[in-house]
C-alpha atoms as a PDB file:
ATOM      1  CA  UNK A   1     -32.747  12.500 -20.461  1.00  0.00           C
ATOM      2  CA  UNK A   2     -31.201  15.181 -22.647  1.00  0.00           C
ATOM      3  CA  UNK A   3     -30.444  14.195 -26.227  1.00  0.00           C
ATOM      4  CA  UNK A   4     -26.722  14.629 -26.900  1.00  0.00           C
ATOM      5  CA  UNK A   5     -25.207  14.661 -30.357  1.00  0.00           C
ATOM      6  CA  UNK A   6     -21.555  13.891 -31.151  1.00  0.00           C
ATOM      7  CA  UNK A   7     -20.440  17.500 -30.649  1.00  0.00           C
ATOM      8  CA  UNK A   8     -22.156  17.701 -27.253  1.00  0.00           C
ATOM      9  CA  UNK A   9     -20.420  14.482 -26.225  1.00  0.00           C
ATOM     10  CA  UNK A  10     -17.016  15.718 -27.394  1.00  0.00           C
ATOM     11  CA  UNK A  11     -17.496  18.976 -25.489  1.00  0.00           C
ATOM     12  CA  UNK A  12     -18.538  17.152 -22.325  1.00  0.00           C
ATOM     13  CA  UNK A  13     -15.681  14.649 -22.599  1.00  0.00           C
ATOM     14  CA  UNK A  14     -13.103  17.441 -22.833  1.00  0.00           C
ATOM     15  CA  UNK A  15     -14.712  19.509 -20.063  1.00  0.00           C
ATOM     16  CA  UNK A  16     -14.683  16.501 -17.741  1.00  0.00           C
ATOM     17  CA  UNK A  17     -10.901  16.425 -18.133  1.00  0.00           C
ATOM     18  CA  UNK A  18     -10.313  20.178 -17.946  1.00  0.00           C
ATOM     19  CA  UNK A  19     -13.165  22.596 -17.291  1.00  0.00           C
ATOM     20  CA  UNK A  20     -10.724  25.512 -17.050  1.00  0.00           C
ATOM     21  CA  UNK A  21     -10.190  25.683 -20.814  1.00  0.00           C
ATOM     22  CA  UNK A  22     -11.118  28.915 -22.517  1.00  0.00           C
ATOM     23  CA  UNK A  23     -13.969  28.737 -25.005  1.00  0.00           C
ATOM     24  CA  UNK A  24     -11.486  29.154 -27.878  1.00  0.00           C
ATOM     25  CA  UNK A  25      -9.268  26.315 -26.617  1.00  0.00           C
ATOM     26  CA  UNK A  26     -12.312  24.086 -26.075  1.00  0.00           C
ATOM     27  CA  UNK A  27     -13.635  24.864 -29.553  1.00  0.00           C
ATOM     28  CA  UNK A  28     -10.280  23.966 -31.100  1.00  0.00           C
ATOM     29  CA  UNK A  29     -10.156  20.650 -29.212  1.00  0.00           C
ATOM     30  CA  UNK A  30     -13.666  19.614 -30.284  1.00  0.00           C
ATOM     31  CA  UNK A  31     -13.328  20.941 -33.847  1.00  0.00           C
ATOM     32  CA  UNK A  32     -16.123  23.508 -33.637  1.00  0.00           C
ATOM     33  CA  UNK A  33     -16.311  27.260 -34.057  1.00  0.00           C
ATOM     34  CA  UNK A  34     -16.034  29.289 -30.833  1.00  0.00           C
ATOM     35  CA  UNK A  35     -19.592  30.721 -31.124  1.00  0.00           C
ATOM     36  CA  UNK A  36     -21.058  27.235 -31.685  1.00  0.00           C
ATOM     37  CA  UNK A  37     -19.059  25.837 -28.793  1.00  0.00           C
ATOM     38  CA  UNK A  38     -20.151  28.658 -26.467  1.00  0.00           C
ATOM     39  CA  UNK A  39     -23.827  28.177 -27.362  1.00  0.00           C
ATOM     40  CA  UNK A  40     -23.551  24.425 -26.750  1.00  0.00           C
ATOM     41  CA  UNK A  41     -21.867  24.837 -23.354  1.00  0.00           C
ATOM     42  CA  UNK A  42     -24.448  27.435 -22.289  1.00  0.00           C
ATOM     43  CA  UNK A  43     -27.271  25.075 -23.327  1.00  0.00           C
ATOM     44  CA  UNK A  44     -25.683  22.130 -21.500  1.00  0.00           C
ATOM     45  CA  UNK A  45     -25.420  24.259 -18.349  1.00  0.00           C
ATOM     46  CA  UNK A  46     -28.993  25.540 -18.670  1.00  0.00           C
ATOM     47  CA  UNK A  47     -30.359  22.004 -19.147  1.00  0.00           C
ATOM     48  CA  UNK A  48     -28.436  20.774 -16.113  1.00  0.00           C
ATOM     49  CA  UNK A  49     -26.233  18.346 -18.055  1.00  0.00           C
ATOM     50  CA  UNK A  50     -23.260  20.294 -16.679  1.00  0.00           C
ATOM     51  CA  UNK A  51     -24.283  20.260 -13.044  1.00  0.00           C
ATOM     52  CA  UNK A  52     -21.223  21.947 -11.561  1.00  0.00           C
ATOM     53  CA  UNK A  53     -17.687  23.021 -12.442  1.00  0.00           C
ATOM     54  CA  UNK A  54     -15.206  22.573  -9.600  1.00  0.00           C
ATOM     55  CA  UNK A  55     -11.540  22.124  -8.713  1.00  0.00           C
ATOM     56  CA  UNK A  56     -10.740  18.620  -7.497  1.00  0.00           C
ATOM     57  CA  UNK A  57      -8.249  18.776  -4.648  1.00  0.00           C
ATOM     58  CA  UNK A  58      -5.647  16.230  -3.586  1.00  0.00           C
ATOM     59  CA  UNK A  59      -6.924  15.214  -0.104  1.00  0.00           C
ATOM     60  CA  UNK A  60      -3.470  14.482   1.299  1.00  0.00           C
ATOM     61  CA  UNK A  61      -2.250  17.967   0.272  1.00  0.00           C
ATOM     62  CA  UNK A  62      -5.003  19.726   2.241  1.00  0.00           C
ATOM     63  CA  UNK A  63      -4.968  17.607   5.394  1.00  0.00           C
ATOM     64  CA  UNK A  64      -7.873  15.298   4.562  1.00  0.00           C
ATOM     65  CA  UNK A  65      -5.970  12.076   4.025  1.00  0.00           C
ATOM     66  CA  UNK A  66      -8.360   9.540   5.581  1.00  0.00           C
ATOM     67  CA  UNK A  67     -11.121   8.130   3.400  1.00  0.00           C
ATOM     68  CA  UNK A  68     -13.853   6.067   5.030  1.00  0.00           C
ATOM     69  CA  UNK A  69     -16.494   4.078   3.196  1.00  0.00           C
ATOM     70  CA  UNK A  70     -19.324   3.554   5.654  1.00  0.00           C
ATOM     71  CA  UNK A  71     -22.377   1.299   5.495  1.00  0.00           C
ATOM     72  CA  UNK A  72     -25.365   2.455   7.535  1.00  0.00           C
ATOM     73  CA  UNK A  73     -28.419   0.410   8.462  1.00  0.00           C
ATOM     74  CA  UNK A  74     -31.364   2.218   9.988  1.00  0.00           C
ATOM     75  CA  UNK A  75     -33.761   0.769  12.539  1.00  0.00           C
ATOM     76  CA  UNK A  76     -36.754   2.197  10.666  1.00  0.00           C
ATOM     77  CA  UNK A  77     -36.561   2.319   6.859  1.00  0.00           C
ATOM     78  CA  UNK A  78     -39.736   4.258   6.074  1.00  0.00           C
ATOM     79  CA  UNK A  79     -39.200   6.985   3.491  1.00  0.00           C
ATOM     80  CA  UNK A  80     -39.440   9.802   6.030  1.00  0.00           C
ATOM     81  CA  UNK A  81     -36.677   8.194   8.131  1.00  0.00           C
ATOM     82  CA  UNK A  82     -34.440   7.794   5.093  1.00  0.00           C
ATOM     83  CA  UNK A  83     -35.019  11.405   4.067  1.00  0.00           C
ATOM     84  CA  UNK A  84     -34.251  12.579   7.602  1.00  0.00           C
ATOM     85  CA  UNK A  85     -30.961  10.657   7.564  1.00  0.00           C
ATOM     86  CA  UNK A  86     -30.047  12.067   4.128  1.00  0.00           C
ATOM     87  CA  UNK A  87     -30.739  15.584   5.393  1.00  0.00           C
ATOM     88  CA  UNK A  88     -28.557  14.974   8.440  1.00  0.00           C
ATOM     89  CA  UNK A  89     -25.560  13.751   6.436  1.00  0.00           C
ATOM     90  CA  UNK A  90     -25.981  16.471   3.813  1.00  0.00           C
ATOM     91  CA  UNK A  91     -25.058  19.008   6.497  1.00  0.00           C
ATOM     92  CA  UNK A  92     -21.638  17.397   7.049  1.00  0.00           C
ATOM     93  CA  UNK A  93     -19.035  18.671   4.581  1.00  0.00           C
ATOM     94  CA  UNK A  94     -16.812  15.638   5.271  1.00  0.00           C
ATOM     95  CA  UNK A  95     -19.522  13.381   3.814  1.00  0.00           C
ATOM     96  CA  UNK A  96     -18.667  13.610   0.148  1.00  0.00           C
ATOM     97  CA  UNK A  97     -21.141  11.071  -1.179  1.00  0.00           C
ATOM     98  CA  UNK A  98     -24.307   9.451   0.157  1.00  0.00           C
ATOM     99  CA  UNK A  99     -26.058   6.601  -1.631  1.00  0.00           C
ATOM    100  CA  UNK A 100     -29.312   4.874  -0.746  1.00  0.00           C
ATOM    101  CA  UNK A 101     -28.604   1.266  -1.672  1.00  0.00           C
ATOM    102  CA  UNK A 102     -30.302  -2.089  -1.971  1.00  0.00           C
ATOM    103  CA  UNK A 103     -29.886  -4.869  -0.970  1.00  0.00           C
ATOM    104  CA  UNK A 104     -27.816  -4.802   2.203  1.00  0.00           C
ATOM    105  CA  UNK A 105     -27.368  -1.647   4.220  1.00  0.00           C
ATOM    106  CA  UNK A 106     -29.676   1.319   3.736  1.00  0.00           C
ATOM    107  CA  UNK A 107     -26.886   3.790   2.903  1.00  0.00           C
ATOM    108  CA  UNK A 108     -23.278   3.866   1.808  1.00  0.00           C
ATOM    109  CA  UNK A 109     -21.311   7.025   2.584  1.00  0.00           C
ATOM    110  CA  UNK A 110     -17.919   8.192   1.371  1.00  0.00           C
ATOM    111  CA  UNK A 111     -16.287  10.355   4.009  1.00  0.00           C
ATOM    112  CA  UNK A 112     -13.047  12.345   3.752  1.00  0.00           C
ATOM    113  CA  UNK A 113     -11.466  13.537   7.025  1.00  0.00           C
ATOM    114  CA  UNK A 114      -8.027  14.431   8.360  1.00  0.00           C
ATOM    115  CA  UNK A 115      -7.442  11.446  10.631  1.00  0.00           C
ATOM    116  CA  UNK A 116      -9.023   8.782  12.823  1.00  0.00           C
ATOM    117  CA  UNK A 117      -9.811  11.275  15.601  1.00  0.00           C
ATOM    118  CA  UNK A 118     -11.781  13.406  13.133  1.00  0.00           C
ATOM    119  CA  UNK A 119     -13.588  10.296  11.911  1.00  0.00           C
ATOM    120  CA  UNK A 120     -14.534   9.307  15.471  1.00  0.00           C
ATOM    121  CA  UNK A 121     -15.906  12.801  16.165  1.00  0.00           C
ATOM    122  CA  UNK A 122     -17.965  12.708  12.968  1.00  0.00           C
ATOM    123  CA  UNK A 123     -19.157   9.145  13.665  1.00  0.00           C
ATOM    124  CA  UNK A 124     -20.275  10.185  17.126  1.00  0.00           C
ATOM    125  CA  UNK A 125     -22.226  13.176  15.730  1.00  0.00           C
ATOM    126  CA  UNK A 126     -23.822  11.313  12.837  1.00  0.00           C
ATOM    127  CA  UNK A 127     -24.246   7.766  14.041  1.00  0.00           C
ATOM    128  CA  UNK A 128     -23.875   7.244  17.786  1.00  0.00           C
ATOM    129  CA  UNK A 129     -26.244  10.036  18.801  1.00  0.00           C
ATOM    130  CA  UNK A 130     -28.925   9.090  16.265  1.00  0.00           C
ATOM    131  CA  UNK A 131     -31.614   6.827  17.699  1.00  0.00           C
ATOM    132  CA  UNK A 132     -32.529   5.456  14.262  1.00  0.00           C
ATOM    133  CA  UNK A 133     -29.037   4.202  13.324  1.00  0.00           C
ATOM    134  CA  UNK A 134     -28.934   0.464  14.017  1.00  0.00           C
ATOM    135  CA  UNK A 135     -25.619  -0.584  12.473  1.00  0.00           C
ATOM    136  CA  UNK A 136     -22.474   1.158  11.221  1.00  0.00           C
ATOM    137  CA  UNK A 137     -19.781  -0.680   9.311  1.00  0.00           C
ATOM    138  CA  UNK A 138     -16.716   1.357   8.340  1.00  0.00           C
ATOM    139  CA  UNK A 139     -13.930   0.598   5.884  1.00  0.00           C
ATOM    140  CA  UNK A 140     -10.799   2.744   5.697  1.00  0.00           C
ATOM    141  CA  UNK A 141      -8.847   3.265   2.499  1.00  0.00           C
ATOM    142  CA  UNK A 142      -5.219   2.205   2.632  1.00  0.00           C
ATOM    143  CA  UNK A 143      -4.455   3.410  -0.888  1.00  0.00           C
ATOM    144  CA  UNK A 144      -6.510   4.985  -3.617  1.00  0.00           C
ATOM    145  CA  UNK A 145      -5.513   3.299  -6.845  1.00  0.00           C
ATOM    146  CA  UNK A 146      -8.181   4.949  -8.988  1.00  0.00           C
ATOM    147  CA  UNK A 147     -10.352   8.021  -8.586  1.00  0.00           C
ATOM    148  CA  UNK A 148     -12.225   9.428 -11.542  1.00  0.00           C
ATOM    149  CA  UNK A 149     -15.067  11.866 -11.885  1.00  0.00           C
ATOM    150  CA  UNK A 150     -15.660  11.336 -15.601  1.00  0.00           C
ATOM    151  CA  UNK A 151     -18.695   9.655 -17.094  1.00  0.00           C
ATOM    152  CA  UNK A 152     -18.001   7.725 -20.311  1.00  0.00           C
ATOM    153  CA  UNK A 153     -19.819   9.374 -23.212  1.00  0.00           C
ATOM    154  CA  UNK A 154     -17.817   8.346 -26.268  1.00  0.00           C
ATOM    155  CA  UNK A 155     -16.974   4.752 -27.081  1.00  0.00           C
ATOM    156  CA  UNK A 156     -13.205   4.364 -27.061  1.00  0.00           C
END
């Protein structure tokens, strides 16, 4: 784990809210000089603390309004079978998140698609045609009351 001081945490907290800020604007928000702030951000990127900087889209605005949370149980749970399943789902862009979990099912997936027909097509590709998938249990979001990508770093 990377050691983070208070300035690192302030930088990361602000970037989690708005990664599009210029270095000068970021430095002003975290009360640091622009050169110091730039060096810190570069170090945090190099060390992998900042894994990726992206735009978060509104699914309903881009035609991906159906969210499915799917539990998957495999017939065979040996490591190589789990890795094979993870590799399979990693190829599907609609699978936004994949978690190996315990206890209960082997995996929980978060899937974002346009509609039920798109979900059925994906489910057929990923689950129905796979000999090692024993059970699929799907839940469909009716409303999304909270969605955050931030990790708490500073005690509020």
